[in-house]
Amino acid sequence: MNLALFDFDGTISFGDTFTPFLHFAVEPRRKAVGRVVLIPLIVGYKLGIVSPSATRARVAAFGFRGRREADVRLAGSNYARDVLPRTIRPKALKRINWHKAQGDVVVVVSGSLDVYLAEWCRGLDLDLICTELEARDGTLTGRYRDGDCTGKEKARRILEKYNIRDYPVVYAYGDTTEDHEMLSIANRKYFRWREIAA
């Protein structure tokens, strides 16, 4: 039994699923205000001044702060059921199924949100490590619980949850610099679906 670690956005999916989820789940009035209020942030992101991680956190905070957790989780379930299937790479699904047929532990490790990834992973019986929206008394705070699951945080959470020495081979699949630390702990590393040197 081996361990297989998959990034989601751009690796399992054809591209970003975070931004489309915001369009799917954020109320129209809040979206309209956000298009104006968040212009400096988006410009900074496009110019490379603001990191993707910081951009996602600020946009999620604006979109979800004060929302009922149950409403956003329902939107996430609907998104996982109705939208995500159209975004999945057949190659990725085939590889996931190959690992499962070998009896491997398959884990999605993502900076995207638990409110929709949990539902998708449950449907395929996959483990999940990802960014989680924080809630208090049933209301979203606009913050992440335990921070953004990207870069070093991906590797830290994997090593916290799994003893990688228990697995003969650790596979990792990623597509951006946010996946480098996860790839670094694997024996077999795939970057944009090409195996790279150990």
Protein backbone atom coordinates (compact mmCIF):
# COMPACT_ATOMS: atom_id res chain seq x y z
CA MET A 1 0.00 0.00 0.00
CA ASN A 2 1.48 3.32 -1.15
CA LEU A 3 0.50 6.95 -0.53
CA ALA A 4 -0.69 9.14 -3.43
CA LEU A 5 -0.96 12.91 -2.91
CA PHE A 6 -2.87 14.98 -5.45
CA ASP A 7 -3.17 18.74 -5.73
CA PHE A 8 -6.67 19.65 -6.96
CA ASP A 9 -6.83 22.90 -8.96
CA GLY A 10 -4.94 22.51 -12.22
CA THR A 11 -3.93 18.93 -11.43
CA ILE A 12 -7.17 16.99 -10.90
CA SER A 13 -9.25 19.80 -12.40
CA PHE A 14 -8.49 21.59 -15.66
CA GLY A 15 -7.99 24.85 -13.80
CA ASP A 16 -9.09 27.07 -10.93
CA THR A 17 -12.20 25.91 -9.06
CA PHE A 18 -11.93 28.48 -6.25
CA THR A 19 -12.95 31.56 -8.27
CA PRO A 20 -15.88 29.84 -10.01
CA PHE A 21 -17.11 28.70 -6.59
CA LEU A 22 -17.11 32.31 -5.39
CA HIS A 23 -19.26 33.27 -8.39
CA PHE A 24 -21.52 30.30 -7.63
CA ALA A 25 -21.91 30.87 -3.88
CA VAL A 26 -21.51 34.59 -3.12
CA GLU A 27 -24.68 36.68 -3.11
CA PRO A 28 -25.10 38.93 -6.19
CA ARG A 29 -25.10 42.21 -4.22
CA ARG A 30 -21.92 41.28 -2.37
CA LYS A 31 -20.30 40.24 -5.66
CA ALA A 32 -21.17 43.62 -7.20
CA VAL A 33 -19.62 45.51 -4.27
CA GLY A 34 -16.60 43.20 -4.31
CA ARG A 35 -15.87 43.96 -7.95
CA VAL A 36 -15.25 47.57 -6.90
CA VAL A 37 -13.75 47.16 -3.41
CA LEU A 38 -11.31 44.42 -4.42
CA ILE A 39 -9.94 46.12 -7.57
CA PRO A 40 -6.60 47.12 -5.92
CA LEU A 41 -6.12 43.56 -4.64
CA ILE A 42 -6.84 41.99 -8.04
CA VAL A 43 -4.54 44.46 -9.80
CA GLY A 44 -1.81 43.66 -7.26
CA TYR A 45 -2.31 39.95 -7.89
CA LYS A 46 -2.13 40.36 -11.67
CA LEU A 47 1.06 42.43 -11.31
CA GLY A 48 2.63 39.79 -9.09
CA ILE A 49 2.71 42.09 -6.04
CA VAL A 50 0.10 40.14 -4.05
CA SER A 51 0.49 36.35 -3.74
CA PRO A 52 -2.22 33.95 -4.94
CA SER A 53 -2.59 32.72 -1.34
CA ALA A 54 -3.15 36.21 0.09
CA THR A 55 -5.53 37.06 -2.74
CA ARG A 56 -7.67 33.97 -2.14
CA ALA A 57 -7.82 34.66 1.61
CA ARG A 58 -8.94 38.28 1.15
CA VAL A 59 -11.51 37.44 -1.50
CA ALA A 60 -12.93 34.56 0.58
CA ALA A 61 -13.12 36.84 3.62
CA PHE A 62 -15.05 39.45 1.66
CA GLY A 63 -17.36 36.87 0.09
CA PHE A 64 -18.18 34.76 3.12
CA ARG A 65 -17.78 36.78 6.34
CA GLY A 66 -21.08 36.82 8.23
CA ARG A 67 -22.73 34.16 6.07
CA ARG A 68 -24.49 31.19 7.67
CA GLU A 69 -22.15 28.23 7.52
CA ALA A 70 -25.00 25.88 6.60
CA ASP A 71 -25.90 28.00 3.55
CA VAL A 72 -22.33 28.03 2.23
CA ARG A 73 -21.92 24.30 2.86
CA LEU A 74 -25.14 23.64 0.93
CA ALA A 75 -23.80 25.77 -1.93
CA GLY A 76 -20.57 23.74 -1.75
CA SER A 77 -22.45 20.45 -1.99
CA ASN A 78 -24.40 21.72 -4.99
CA TYR A 79 -21.20 22.97 -6.63
CA ALA A 80 -19.49 19.61 -6.05
CA ARG A 81 -22.45 17.78 -7.58
CA ASP A 82 -23.39 20.09 -10.46
CA VAL A 83 -20.20 21.90 -11.49
CA LEU A 84 -17.05 20.01 -10.46
CA PRO A 85 -17.67 16.88 -12.57
CA ARG A 86 -17.33 19.01 -15.73
CA THR A 87 -13.94 20.34 -14.60
CA ILE A 88 -12.21 17.02 -13.86
CA ARG A 89 -9.41 15.78 -16.10
CA PRO A 90 -10.15 12.24 -17.32
CA LYS A 91 -6.42 11.52 -16.98
CA ALA A 92 -6.55 12.49 -13.30
CA LEU A 93 -9.60 10.35 -12.58
CA LYS A 94 -7.96 7.41 -14.34
CA ARG A 95 -4.82 7.82 -12.23
CA ILE A 96 -6.81 8.14 -8.99
CA ASN A 97 -8.70 4.96 -9.85
CA TRP A 98 -5.42 3.20 -10.68
CA HIS A 99 -4.06 4.07 -7.23
CA LYS A 100 -7.25 2.92 -5.55
CA ALA A 101 -7.12 -0.38 -7.46
CA GLN A 102 -3.58 -0.90 -6.07
CA GLY A 103 -4.95 -0.39 -2.56
CA ASP A 104 -3.12 2.93 -2.14
CA VAL A 105 -4.19 5.69 0.23
CA VAL A 106 -5.24 8.59 -2.03
CA VAL A 107 -5.26 12.10 -0.59
CA VAL A 108 -6.36 15.39 -2.16
CA VAL A 109 -4.13 18.15 -0.77
CA SER A 110 -5.42 21.56 -1.80
CA GLY A 111 -5.53 25.26 -1.10
CA SER A 112 -9.14 25.21 -2.26
CA LEU A 113 -12.06 25.06 0.13
CA ASP A 114 -13.45 22.25 2.25
CA VAL A 115 -17.05 23.35 1.66
CA TYR A 116 -17.00 21.78 -1.81
CA LEU A 117 -13.92 19.52 -1.85
CA ALA A 118 -15.17 17.47 1.12
CA GLU A 119 -18.30 16.50 -0.79
CA TRP A 120 -16.36 15.63 -3.96
CA CYS A 121 -13.79 13.56 -2.06
CA ARG A 122 -16.48 11.75 -0.09
CA GLY A 123 -18.06 10.64 -3.37
CA LEU A 124 -14.80 8.98 -4.44
CA ASP A 125 -13.77 7.79 -0.97
CA LEU A 126 -10.62 9.94 -0.95
CA ASP A 127 -8.86 11.50 2.03
CA LEU A 128 -8.71 15.30 2.11
CA ILE A 129 -6.35 17.93 3.45
CA CYS A 130 -7.37 21.45 2.43
CA THR A 131 -8.12 25.03 3.40
CA GLU A 132 -11.13 25.19 5.74
CA LEU A 133 -13.46 28.10 6.35
CA GLU A 134 -13.70 29.05 10.04
CA ALA A 135 -17.11 29.30 11.68
CA ARG A 136 -18.32 30.40 15.11
CA ASP A 137 -21.82 29.65 16.33
CA GLY A 138 -22.86 28.67 12.81
CA THR A 139 -21.58 31.88 11.17
CA LEU A 140 -18.48 32.17 8.96
CA THR A 141 -15.84 34.52 10.35
CA GLY A 142 -14.20 35.26 6.99
CA ARG A 143 -10.99 33.60 8.18
CA TYR A 144 -9.44 30.21 7.55
CA ARG A 145 -9.18 27.63 10.29
CA ASP A 146 -5.45 26.77 10.56
CA GLY A 147 -4.45 28.98 7.62
CA ASP A 148 -4.11 28.46 3.89
CA CYS A 149 -3.15 24.93 2.80
CA THR A 150 -0.48 25.85 0.25
CA GLY A 151 3.31 25.63 -0.04
CA LYS A 152 5.04 24.56 3.16
CA GLU A 153 1.68 24.15 4.87
CA LYS A 154 0.76 21.35 2.47
CA ALA A 155 3.87 19.39 3.42
CA ARG A 156 3.44 20.14 7.13
CA ARG A 157 -0.15 18.87 7.21
CA ILE A 158 0.72 15.74 5.23
CA LEU A 159 3.56 14.88 7.62
CA GLU A 160 1.33 15.60 10.60
CA LYS A 161 -1.40 13.24 9.38
CA TYR A 162 0.64 10.45 7.75
CA ASN A 163 3.85 8.70 8.72
CA ILE A 164 5.33 8.57 5.23
CA ARG A 165 7.86 5.95 6.35
CA ASP A 166 4.92 3.54 6.59
CA TYR A 167 4.53 3.62 2.79
CA PRO A 168 6.94 1.91 0.37
CA VAL A 169 6.35 4.63 -2.24
CA VAL A 170 4.92 8.14 -1.88
CA TYR A 171 3.56 9.63 -5.11
CA ALA A 172 2.79 13.34 -5.47
CA TYR A 173 1.07 15.23 -8.30
CA GLY A 174 1.10 19.02 -8.61
CA ASP A 175 1.17 21.85 -11.11
CA THR A 176 2.40 25.11 -9.49
CA THR A 177 5.09 26.42 -7.15
CA GLU A 178 2.56 26.04 -4.31
CA ASP A 179 3.04 22.26 -4.71
CA HIS A 180 6.86 22.14 -4.57
CA GLU A 181 7.10 21.30 -0.87
CA MET A 182 4.54 18.51 -1.28
CA LEU A 183 6.48 17.12 -4.23
CA SER A 184 9.69 17.28 -2.21
CA ILE A 185 8.49 14.66 0.27
CA ALA A 186 7.56 12.14 -2.46
CA ASN A 187 9.60 9.34 -4.02
CA ARG A 188 7.81 9.75 -7.33
CA LYS A 189 6.92 13.29 -8.32
CA TYR A 190 4.70 14.43 -11.17
CA PHE A 191 4.63 18.09 -12.17
CA ARG A 192 1.95 18.96 -14.73
CA TRP A 193 1.55 15.23 -15.34
CA ARG A 194 5.20 14.64 -16.23
CA GLU A 195 7.39 12.65 -13.89
CA ILE A 196 10.36 14.66 -12.70
CA ALA A 197 13.65 13.55 -11.16
CA ALA A 198 13.70 12.69 -7.47
